[in-house]
Amino acid sequence: MAAPSHAGDSPERDAFHPDLPDHEAPLPLRARLHHIRAGELDGDTAQTGGMRRFAAISGSTVGSERIWMGQTHVAPSTASSNHHHGASETAIHVVKGHPEFVFLDDSTGTPEEVRLRTAPGDYIFVPPYVPHREENPSPDEEAVVVIARSTQEAIVVNLPELYVLDQEPDQDPPAGN
């Protein structure tokens, strides 16, 4: 079905977007909407042991400049390696399974491992630089989450261990705490 035309529009122009250039030349990535189908996710992105990340929205896939979005899959009975996402804020939406998100909390003065147990429909926010890992305790169901980051590419810094954000790895807590 052809787009309706407005009085004075040439038949070659898009009547809904008269301010866009003629469609003879392809539009730049950032001048059009993009439809990324579920089967078209890009697995060529930063990875962490124990999980697989798939990019949907990124600088390389659609020309985004300030956001990255994709999926993470964690196999049954699997834990990811410890990692953080640099300066990027990360929002997570649980789609399938009951993944657990683990980090160290030092609000009492003694580092303590905290485990956030989730269900489909739940959301998690991961602040910049906070070391964490994902675990899937289910023996038979894959965990799948949708991730959105405040950077246009997937920043992943893999770590040998979890540590409290204000401390360096292997650093003891301050004396007297």
N, C-alpha and C. Protein backbone atom coordinates (compact mmCIF):
# COMPACT_ATOMS: atom_id res chain seq x y z
N MET A 1 0.84 -1.17 0.00
CA MET A 1 0.00 0.00 0.00
C MET A 1 0.89 1.23 0.00
N ALA A 2 0.66 2.14 -0.87
CA ALA A 2 1.47 3.35 -0.98
C ALA A 2 1.09 4.33 0.12
N ALA A 3 2.07 5.09 0.58
CA ALA A 3 1.82 6.13 1.58
C ALA A 3 0.98 7.23 0.95
N PRO A 4 0.01 7.76 1.71
CA PRO A 4 -0.81 8.84 1.14
C PRO A 4 0.06 10.05 0.86
N SER A 5 -0.30 10.79 -0.17
CA SER A 5 0.48 11.98 -0.50
C SER A 5 -0.29 13.21 -0.08
N HIS A 6 0.47 14.25 0.20
CA HIS A 6 -0.12 15.54 0.54
C HIS A 6 -0.02 16.43 -0.69
N ALA A 7 -0.90 17.42 -0.77
CA ALA A 7 -0.87 18.34 -1.91
C ALA A 7 0.52 18.94 -2.06
N GLY A 8 1.07 18.90 -3.22
CA GLY A 8 2.37 19.47 -3.50
C GLY A 8 3.52 18.50 -3.32
N ASP A 9 3.27 17.31 -2.74
CA ASP A 9 4.37 16.34 -2.56
C ASP A 9 4.63 15.63 -3.88
N SER A 10 5.88 15.41 -4.17
CA SER A 10 6.19 14.62 -5.36
C SER A 10 5.95 13.16 -5.00
N PRO A 11 5.64 12.31 -5.97
CA PRO A 11 5.35 10.91 -5.67
C PRO A 11 6.55 10.17 -5.08
N GLU A 12 7.78 10.68 -5.29
CA GLU A 12 8.97 10.01 -4.78
C GLU A 12 9.21 10.30 -3.30
N ARG A 13 8.61 11.37 -2.78
CA ARG A 13 8.83 11.77 -1.39
C ARG A 13 7.98 10.95 -0.45
N ASP A 14 8.47 10.75 0.74
CA ASP A 14 7.71 10.09 1.79
C ASP A 14 6.79 11.13 2.42
N ALA A 15 5.50 11.01 2.22
CA ALA A 15 4.56 12.01 2.70
C ALA A 15 4.53 12.11 4.23
N PHE A 16 4.89 11.03 4.91
CA PHE A 16 4.89 11.05 6.37
C PHE A 16 6.14 11.72 6.92
N HIS A 17 7.21 11.78 6.14
CA HIS A 17 8.48 12.36 6.59
C HIS A 17 9.04 13.30 5.52
N PRO A 18 8.34 14.39 5.23
CA PRO A 18 8.79 15.26 4.14
C PRO A 18 10.12 15.94 4.43
N ASP A 19 10.56 15.96 5.69
CA ASP A 19 11.81 16.60 6.04
C ASP A 19 13.02 15.69 5.80
N LEU A 20 12.81 14.41 5.55
CA LEU A 20 13.92 13.50 5.28
C LEU A 20 14.33 13.59 3.81
N PRO A 21 15.58 13.28 3.53
CA PRO A 21 16.03 13.34 2.13
C PRO A 21 15.31 12.31 1.27
N ASP A 22 15.39 12.51 -0.05
CA ASP A 22 14.83 11.52 -0.96
C ASP A 22 15.40 10.15 -0.63
N HIS A 23 14.64 9.12 -0.90
CA HIS A 23 15.04 7.76 -0.55
C HIS A 23 15.90 7.08 -1.60
N GLU A 24 16.43 7.86 -2.54
CA GLU A 24 17.30 7.27 -3.55
C GLU A 24 18.59 6.79 -2.90
N ALA A 25 19.13 7.57 -1.98
CA ALA A 25 20.33 7.16 -1.25
C ALA A 25 19.88 6.55 0.07
N PRO A 26 20.57 5.51 0.56
CA PRO A 26 20.17 4.91 1.84
C PRO A 26 20.31 5.94 2.97
N LEU A 27 19.36 5.89 3.89
CA LEU A 27 19.40 6.78 5.05
C LEU A 27 20.54 6.35 5.99
N PRO A 28 21.17 7.31 6.67
CA PRO A 28 22.17 6.93 7.67
C PRO A 28 21.52 6.13 8.80
N LEU A 29 22.30 5.32 9.51
CA LEU A 29 21.76 4.48 10.57
C LEU A 29 20.91 5.26 11.56
N ARG A 30 21.34 6.46 11.90
CA ARG A 30 20.64 7.23 12.93
C ARG A 30 19.46 8.05 12.41
N ALA A 31 19.04 7.84 11.16
CA ALA A 31 17.92 8.58 10.60
C ALA A 31 16.72 7.68 10.33
N ARG A 32 16.74 6.47 10.91
CA ARG A 32 15.63 5.56 10.67
C ARG A 32 15.45 4.62 11.85
N LEU A 33 14.30 4.02 11.94
CA LEU A 33 14.05 3.01 12.96
C LEU A 33 14.69 1.71 12.54
N HIS A 34 15.01 0.87 13.50
CA HIS A 34 15.60 -0.44 13.23
C HIS A 34 14.77 -1.52 13.90
N HIS A 35 14.54 -2.59 13.19
CA HIS A 35 13.81 -3.75 13.71
C HIS A 35 14.80 -4.90 13.79
N ILE A 36 15.11 -5.31 15.00
CA ILE A 36 16.03 -6.43 15.21
C ILE A 36 15.18 -7.61 15.65
N ARG A 37 15.10 -8.60 14.81
CA ARG A 37 14.29 -9.79 15.12
C ARG A 37 15.03 -10.68 16.12
N ALA A 38 14.27 -11.46 16.86
CA ALA A 38 14.84 -12.31 17.91
C ALA A 38 15.97 -13.19 17.38
N GLY A 39 15.85 -13.69 16.18
CA GLY A 39 16.87 -14.57 15.61
C GLY A 39 18.06 -13.83 15.02
N GLU A 40 18.07 -12.49 15.09
CA GLU A 40 19.14 -11.70 14.49
C GLU A 40 20.09 -11.08 15.51
N LEU A 41 20.04 -11.52 16.77
CA LEU A 41 20.92 -10.96 17.79
C LEU A 41 22.37 -11.30 17.48
N ASP A 42 23.27 -10.41 17.84
CA ASP A 42 24.69 -10.53 17.52
C ASP A 42 25.47 -11.09 18.70
N GLY A 43 26.03 -12.27 18.56
CA GLY A 43 26.82 -12.91 19.61
C GLY A 43 28.26 -12.43 19.65
N ASP A 44 28.64 -11.57 18.73
CA ASP A 44 30.02 -11.07 18.68
C ASP A 44 30.14 -9.82 19.57
N THR A 45 30.02 -10.02 20.88
CA THR A 45 30.07 -8.94 21.86
C THR A 45 30.89 -9.40 23.06
N ALA A 46 31.16 -8.50 23.99
CA ALA A 46 31.97 -8.84 25.17
C ALA A 46 31.31 -9.99 25.92
N GLN A 47 32.12 -10.91 26.39
CA GLN A 47 31.61 -12.11 27.05
C GLN A 47 32.25 -12.30 28.42
N THR A 48 31.57 -13.10 29.24
CA THR A 48 32.05 -13.51 30.56
C THR A 48 31.83 -15.00 30.65
N GLY A 49 32.79 -15.72 31.23
CA GLY A 49 32.65 -17.16 31.39
C GLY A 49 31.35 -17.53 32.09
N GLY A 50 30.68 -18.60 31.63
CA GLY A 50 29.47 -19.09 32.26
C GLY A 50 28.19 -18.49 31.72
N MET A 51 28.31 -17.56 30.78
CA MET A 51 27.12 -16.94 30.20
C MET A 51 27.39 -16.54 28.76
N ARG A 52 26.31 -16.26 28.02
CA ARG A 52 26.46 -15.76 26.64
C ARG A 52 25.66 -14.49 26.52
N ARG A 53 26.30 -13.44 25.99
CA ARG A 53 25.62 -12.17 25.74
C ARG A 53 25.36 -12.04 24.24
N PHE A 54 24.19 -11.45 23.92
CA PHE A 54 23.80 -11.22 22.54
C PHE A 54 23.33 -9.78 22.40
N ALA A 55 23.95 -9.03 21.52
CA ALA A 55 23.60 -7.63 21.32
C ALA A 55 22.42 -7.50 20.36
N ALA A 56 21.51 -6.61 20.69
CA ALA A 56 20.43 -6.24 19.79
C ALA A 56 20.63 -4.80 19.33
N ILE A 57 20.78 -3.91 20.30
CA ILE A 57 20.96 -2.48 20.04
C ILE A 57 22.38 -2.11 20.47
N SER A 58 23.20 -1.65 19.53
CA SER A 58 24.57 -1.22 19.86
C SER A 58 25.05 -0.26 18.78
N GLY A 59 26.21 0.30 19.02
CA GLY A 59 26.79 1.18 18.00
C GLY A 59 27.02 0.45 16.70
N SER A 60 27.47 -0.79 16.78
CA SER A 60 27.77 -1.52 15.55
C SER A 60 26.52 -2.06 14.86
N THR A 61 25.46 -2.36 15.60
CA THR A 61 24.27 -2.92 14.95
C THR A 61 23.32 -1.88 14.40
N VAL A 62 23.14 -0.75 15.13
CA VAL A 62 22.16 0.25 14.70
C VAL A 62 22.69 1.68 14.76
N GLY A 63 23.92 1.86 15.17
CA GLY A 63 24.48 3.21 15.25
C GLY A 63 24.16 3.95 16.54
N SER A 64 23.73 3.23 17.59
CA SER A 64 23.41 3.91 18.85
C SER A 64 24.67 4.55 19.42
N GLU A 65 24.48 5.64 20.14
CA GLU A 65 25.61 6.36 20.72
C GLU A 65 25.62 6.33 22.24
N ARG A 66 24.46 6.10 22.88
CA ARG A 66 24.42 6.16 24.33
C ARG A 66 23.71 4.99 24.99
N ILE A 67 23.40 3.95 24.24
CA ILE A 67 22.71 2.81 24.85
C ILE A 67 23.16 1.52 24.19
N TRP A 68 23.17 0.46 24.98
CA TRP A 68 23.41 -0.90 24.49
C TRP A 68 22.28 -1.72 25.08
N MET A 69 21.73 -2.64 24.28
CA MET A 69 20.66 -3.50 24.78
C MET A 69 20.80 -4.86 24.15
N GLY A 70 20.54 -5.88 24.93
CA GLY A 70 20.64 -7.24 24.42
C GLY A 70 20.12 -8.24 25.42
N GLN A 71 20.54 -9.48 25.24
CA GLN A 71 20.13 -10.58 26.11
C GLN A 71 21.36 -11.27 26.69
N THR A 72 21.15 -11.87 27.86
CA THR A 72 22.15 -12.76 28.44
C THR A 72 21.46 -14.09 28.74
N HIS A 73 22.16 -15.17 28.41
CA HIS A 73 21.67 -16.52 28.67
C HIS A 73 22.65 -17.22 29.60
N VAL A 74 22.12 -17.80 30.69
CA VAL A 74 22.95 -18.57 31.62
C VAL A 74 22.38 -19.99 31.66
N ALA A 75 23.22 -20.96 31.34
CA ALA A 75 22.79 -22.36 31.29
C ALA A 75 22.40 -22.86 32.68
N PRO A 76 21.64 -23.95 32.74
CA PRO A 76 21.27 -24.53 34.04
C PRO A 76 22.52 -24.86 34.88
N SER A 77 22.38 -24.72 36.18
CA SER A 77 23.43 -25.05 37.15
C SER A 77 24.76 -24.39 36.82
N THR A 78 24.72 -23.12 36.42
CA THR A 78 25.92 -22.41 35.98
C THR A 78 26.01 -21.06 36.68
N ALA A 79 27.23 -20.65 36.97
CA ALA A 79 27.49 -19.31 37.50
C ALA A 79 28.44 -18.61 36.55
N SER A 80 28.21 -17.33 36.33
CA SER A 80 29.13 -16.57 35.50
C SER A 80 30.40 -16.28 36.28
N SER A 81 31.41 -15.82 35.59
CA SER A 81 32.59 -15.31 36.25
C SER A 81 32.23 -13.98 36.91
N ASN A 82 33.02 -13.55 37.87
CA ASN A 82 32.84 -12.25 38.49
C ASN A 82 33.23 -11.19 37.48
N HIS A 83 32.51 -10.06 37.48
CA HIS A 83 32.78 -9.00 36.51
C HIS A 83 32.09 -7.70 36.93
N HIS A 84 32.43 -6.61 36.24
CA HIS A 84 31.67 -5.36 36.35
C HIS A 84 31.59 -4.74 34.96
N HIS A 85 30.84 -3.66 34.84
CA HIS A 85 30.58 -3.06 33.53
C HIS A 85 31.13 -1.63 33.43
N GLY A 86 32.28 -1.38 34.07
CA GLY A 86 32.92 -0.08 33.96
C GLY A 86 31.98 1.04 34.35
N ALA A 87 32.03 2.15 33.62
CA ALA A 87 31.23 3.34 33.93
C ALA A 87 29.76 3.19 33.52
N SER A 88 29.40 2.07 32.96
CA SER A 88 28.04 1.87 32.46
C SER A 88 27.07 1.51 33.58
N GLU A 89 25.89 2.15 33.56
CA GLU A 89 24.78 1.69 34.40
C GLU A 89 24.11 0.56 33.64
N THR A 90 23.64 -0.46 34.37
CA THR A 90 23.01 -1.60 33.73
C THR A 90 21.65 -1.86 34.34
N ALA A 91 20.63 -1.99 33.50
CA ALA A 91 19.29 -2.38 33.94
C ALA A 91 19.02 -3.77 33.37
N ILE A 92 18.46 -4.63 34.21
CA ILE A 92 18.22 -6.03 33.83
C ILE A 92 16.75 -6.35 34.05
N HIS A 93 16.15 -7.02 33.07
CA HIS A 93 14.77 -7.50 33.17
C HIS A 93 14.79 -9.01 32.98
N VAL A 94 14.29 -9.73 33.98
CA VAL A 94 14.29 -11.20 33.93
C VAL A 94 13.13 -11.66 33.06
N VAL A 95 13.47 -12.45 32.03
CA VAL A 95 12.49 -12.95 31.08
C VAL A 95 12.12 -14.40 31.37
N LYS A 96 13.13 -15.20 31.71
CA LYS A 96 12.92 -16.64 31.89
C LYS A 96 13.83 -17.16 32.99
N GLY A 97 13.31 -18.06 33.80
CA GLY A 97 14.12 -18.67 34.84
C GLY A 97 14.13 -17.85 36.13
N HIS A 98 15.05 -18.24 37.02
CA HIS A 98 15.17 -17.61 38.34
C HIS A 98 16.64 -17.30 38.62
N PRO A 99 17.26 -16.44 37.79
CA PRO A 99 18.67 -16.15 38.01
C PRO A 99 18.88 -15.43 39.35
N GLU A 100 20.08 -15.60 39.90
CA GLU A 100 20.47 -14.92 41.13
C GLU A 100 21.64 -14.01 40.81
N PHE A 101 21.61 -12.80 41.38
CA PHE A 101 22.65 -11.80 41.16
C PHE A 101 23.38 -11.62 42.48
N VAL A 102 24.70 -11.80 42.46
CA VAL A 102 25.50 -11.86 43.68
C VAL A 102 26.52 -10.72 43.69
N PHE A 103 26.64 -10.02 44.83
CA PHE A 103 27.63 -8.97 45.02
C PHE A 103 28.02 -8.91 46.48
N LEU A 104 29.06 -8.15 46.82
CA LEU A 104 29.47 -7.96 48.21
C LEU A 104 28.94 -6.63 48.72
N ASP A 105 28.33 -6.67 49.92
CA ASP A 105 27.82 -5.46 50.57
C ASP A 105 28.65 -5.21 51.82
N ASP A 106 29.13 -3.98 51.99
CA ASP A 106 29.95 -3.63 53.15
C ASP A 106 29.27 -2.58 54.02
N SER A 107 27.94 -2.47 53.94
CA SER A 107 27.24 -1.42 54.68
C SER A 107 27.31 -1.62 56.19
N THR A 108 27.61 -2.82 56.66
CA THR A 108 27.75 -3.07 58.10
C THR A 108 29.19 -2.97 58.56
N GLY A 109 30.12 -2.73 57.65
CA GLY A 109 31.54 -2.69 58.00
C GLY A 109 32.26 -4.00 57.76
N THR A 110 31.50 -5.06 57.52
CA THR A 110 32.08 -6.37 57.22
C THR A 110 31.52 -6.83 55.87
N PRO A 111 32.39 -7.06 54.89
CA PRO A 111 31.87 -7.51 53.58
C PRO A 111 31.05 -8.79 53.71
N GLU A 112 29.87 -8.75 53.11
CA GLU A 112 28.97 -9.89 53.16
C GLU A 112 28.42 -10.14 51.78
N GLU A 113 28.42 -11.39 51.34
CA GLU A 113 27.86 -11.74 50.04
C GLU A 113 26.34 -11.63 50.09
N VAL A 114 25.79 -10.89 49.15
CA VAL A 114 24.35 -10.73 49.04
C VAL A 114 23.90 -11.40 47.75
N ARG A 115 22.82 -12.13 47.85
CA ARG A 115 22.28 -12.88 46.71
C ARG A 115 20.85 -12.38 46.47
N LEU A 116 20.61 -11.78 45.29
CA LEU A 116 19.28 -11.33 44.92
C LEU A 116 18.63 -12.42 44.08
N ARG A 117 17.60 -13.06 44.63
CA ARG A 117 16.90 -14.13 43.91
C ARG A 117 15.75 -13.51 43.13
N THR A 118 15.65 -13.84 41.85
CA THR A 118 14.67 -13.20 40.98
C THR A 118 13.71 -14.19 40.34
N ALA A 119 12.69 -13.64 39.72
CA ALA A 119 11.68 -14.41 38.98
C ALA A 119 11.34 -13.64 37.71
N PRO A 120 10.74 -14.29 36.72
CA PRO A 120 10.36 -13.59 35.50
C PRO A 120 9.52 -12.34 35.83
N GLY A 121 9.86 -11.24 35.14
CA GLY A 121 9.18 -9.97 35.36
C GLY A 121 9.93 -9.04 36.30
N ASP A 122 10.89 -9.56 37.08
CA ASP A 122 11.67 -8.74 38.01
C ASP A 122 12.70 -7.90 37.26
N TYR A 123 13.15 -6.84 37.92
CA TYR A 123 14.19 -5.94 37.41
C TYR A 123 15.34 -5.85 38.41
N ILE A 124 16.54 -5.66 37.91
CA ILE A 124 17.74 -5.45 38.73
C ILE A 124 18.46 -4.23 38.16
N PHE A 125 19.01 -3.38 39.05
CA PHE A 125 19.85 -2.27 38.63
C PHE A 125 21.26 -2.52 39.14
N VAL A 126 22.25 -2.43 38.25
CA VAL A 126 23.66 -2.60 38.61
C VAL A 126 24.37 -1.27 38.38
N PRO A 127 24.81 -0.60 39.47
CA PRO A 127 25.53 0.67 39.32
C PRO A 127 26.89 0.47 38.64
N PRO A 128 27.49 1.54 38.14
CA PRO A 128 28.81 1.43 37.52
C PRO A 128 29.85 0.83 38.47
N TYR A 129 30.72 0.03 37.91
CA TYR A 129 31.89 -0.55 38.56
C TYR A 129 31.59 -1.56 39.68
N VAL A 130 30.35 -1.87 39.98
CA VAL A 130 30.06 -2.79 41.08
C VAL A 130 30.32 -4.23 40.63
N PRO A 131 31.30 -4.92 41.27
CA PRO A 131 31.58 -6.32 40.93
C PRO A 131 30.38 -7.21 41.30
N HIS A 132 30.04 -8.13 40.41
CA HIS A 132 28.92 -9.03 40.63
C HIS A 132 29.07 -10.26 39.74
N ARG A 133 28.15 -11.19 39.92
CA ARG A 133 28.07 -12.35 39.01
C ARG A 133 26.61 -12.79 38.96
N GLU A 134 26.28 -13.51 37.90
CA GLU A 134 24.96 -14.11 37.74
C GLU A 134 25.08 -15.60 37.94
N GLU A 135 24.09 -16.17 38.61
CA GLU A 135 24.04 -17.62 38.81
C GLU A 135 22.67 -18.12 38.42
N ASN A 136 22.66 -19.33 37.87
CA ASN A 136 21.40 -19.98 37.54
C ASN A 136 21.36 -21.29 38.31
N PRO A 137 20.67 -21.32 39.45
CA PRO A 137 20.65 -22.53 40.28
C PRO A 137 19.76 -23.65 39.73
N SER A 138 18.92 -23.36 38.74
CA SER A 138 18.02 -24.38 38.21
C SER A 138 18.82 -25.50 37.55
N PRO A 139 18.48 -26.75 37.86
CA PRO A 139 19.20 -27.86 37.22
C PRO A 139 18.77 -28.13 35.78
N ASP A 140 17.63 -27.54 35.35
CA ASP A 140 17.16 -27.88 34.00
C ASP A 140 16.59 -26.72 33.18
N GLU A 141 16.57 -25.49 33.70
CA GLU A 141 16.01 -24.37 32.94
C GLU A 141 17.05 -23.27 32.72
N GLU A 142 17.22 -22.87 31.47
CA GLU A 142 18.10 -21.76 31.14
C GLU A 142 17.51 -20.46 31.71
N ALA A 143 18.36 -19.56 32.19
CA ALA A 143 17.92 -18.23 32.62
C ALA A 143 18.21 -17.24 31.49
N VAL A 144 17.22 -16.40 31.17
CA VAL A 144 17.37 -15.40 30.10
C VAL A 144 16.94 -14.05 30.66
N VAL A 145 17.79 -13.05 30.46
CA VAL A 145 17.47 -11.69 30.89
C VAL A 145 17.72 -10.73 29.73
N VAL A 146 16.98 -9.61 29.73
CA VAL A 146 17.22 -8.52 28.80
C VAL A 146 18.01 -7.47 29.55
N ILE A 147 19.04 -6.95 28.90
CA ILE A 147 19.94 -5.99 29.52
C ILE A 147 19.92 -4.68 28.72
N ALA A 148 19.91 -3.56 29.44
CA ALA A 148 20.08 -2.25 28.82
C ALA A 148 21.20 -1.55 29.57
N ARG A 149 22.13 -0.97 28.81
CA ARG A 149 23.27 -0.27 29.41
C ARG A 149 23.32 1.17 28.92
N SER A 150 23.91 2.03 29.74
CA SER A 150 23.99 3.46 29.42
C SER A 150 25.15 3.79 28.50
N THR A 151 25.81 2.78 27.97
CA THR A 151 26.87 2.98 26.99
C THR A 151 26.47 2.24 25.72
N GLN A 152 27.02 2.62 24.59
CA GLN A 152 26.57 2.04 23.32
C GLN A 152 27.22 0.69 23.01
N GLU A 153 28.18 0.28 23.79
CA GLU A 153 28.75 -1.06 23.62
C GLU A 153 28.75 -1.78 24.96
N ALA A 154 28.87 -3.09 24.92
CA ALA A 154 28.85 -3.90 26.13
C ALA A 154 30.22 -3.86 26.81
N ILE A 155 30.35 -3.06 27.85
CA ILE A 155 31.60 -3.00 28.61
C ILE A 155 31.58 -4.14 29.62
N VAL A 156 32.61 -4.98 29.60
CA VAL A 156 32.72 -6.08 30.54
C VAL A 156 34.15 -6.16 31.01
N VAL A 157 34.34 -6.06 32.33
CA VAL A 157 35.66 -6.23 32.94
C VAL A 157 35.57 -7.47 33.81
N ASN A 158 36.18 -8.57 33.36
CA ASN A 158 36.15 -9.82 34.11
C ASN A 158 37.13 -9.74 35.26
N LEU A 159 36.75 -10.32 36.40
CA LEU A 159 37.51 -10.21 37.65
C LEU A 159 37.80 -11.59 38.23
N PRO A 160 38.91 -11.73 38.99
CA PRO A 160 39.19 -13.02 39.63
C PRO A 160 38.31 -13.27 40.85
N GLU A 161 37.75 -12.20 41.44
CA GLU A 161 36.93 -12.35 42.64
C GLU A 161 36.01 -11.15 42.80
N LEU A 162 35.01 -11.31 43.68
CA LEU A 162 34.17 -10.17 44.04
C LEU A 162 34.91 -9.34 45.08
N TYR A 163 34.68 -8.04 45.08
CA TYR A 163 35.22 -7.18 46.12
C TYR A 163 34.27 -6.01 46.32
N VAL A 164 34.39 -5.37 47.47
CA VAL A 164 33.57 -4.21 47.77
C VAL A 164 34.05 -3.06 46.90
N LEU A 165 33.12 -2.29 46.35
CA LEU A 165 33.45 -1.26 45.38
C LEU A 165 34.54 -0.30 45.86
N ASP A 166 34.54 0.10 47.14
CA ASP A 166 35.52 1.06 47.63
C ASP A 166 36.87 0.44 47.97
N GLN A 167 37.04 -0.86 47.76
CA GLN A 167 38.29 -1.54 48.09
C GLN A 167 38.89 -2.18 46.85
N GLU A 168 40.19 -2.29 46.82
CA GLU A 168 40.86 -3.01 45.74
C GLU A 168 40.72 -4.51 46.00
N PRO A 169 40.81 -5.35 44.99
CA PRO A 169 40.77 -6.79 45.20
C PRO A 169 41.87 -7.22 46.17
N ASP A 170 41.57 -8.20 47.01
CA ASP A 170 42.49 -8.76 48.00
C ASP A 170 42.87 -7.78 49.10
N GLN A 171 42.23 -6.63 49.17
CA GLN A 171 42.53 -5.66 50.23
C GLN A 171 41.70 -6.01 51.45
N ASP A 172 42.33 -6.04 52.62
CA ASP A 172 41.62 -6.32 53.85
C ASP A 172 40.78 -5.12 54.23
N PRO A 173 39.67 -5.33 54.96
CA PRO A 173 38.89 -4.20 55.43
C PRO A 173 39.73 -3.33 56.37
N PRO A 174 39.44 -2.03 56.48
CA PRO A 174 40.21 -1.17 57.36
C PRO A 174 40.20 -1.70 58.79
N ALA A 175 41.32 -1.50 59.51
CA ALA A 175 41.43 -1.96 60.90
C ALA A 175 40.34 -1.33 61.75
N GLY A 176 39.83 -2.10 62.73
CA GLY A 176 38.82 -1.59 63.62
C GLY A 176 37.40 -1.79 63.12
N ASN A 177 37.23 -2.38 61.96
CA ASN A 177 35.86 -2.63 61.46
C ASN A 177 35.50 -4.07 61.56
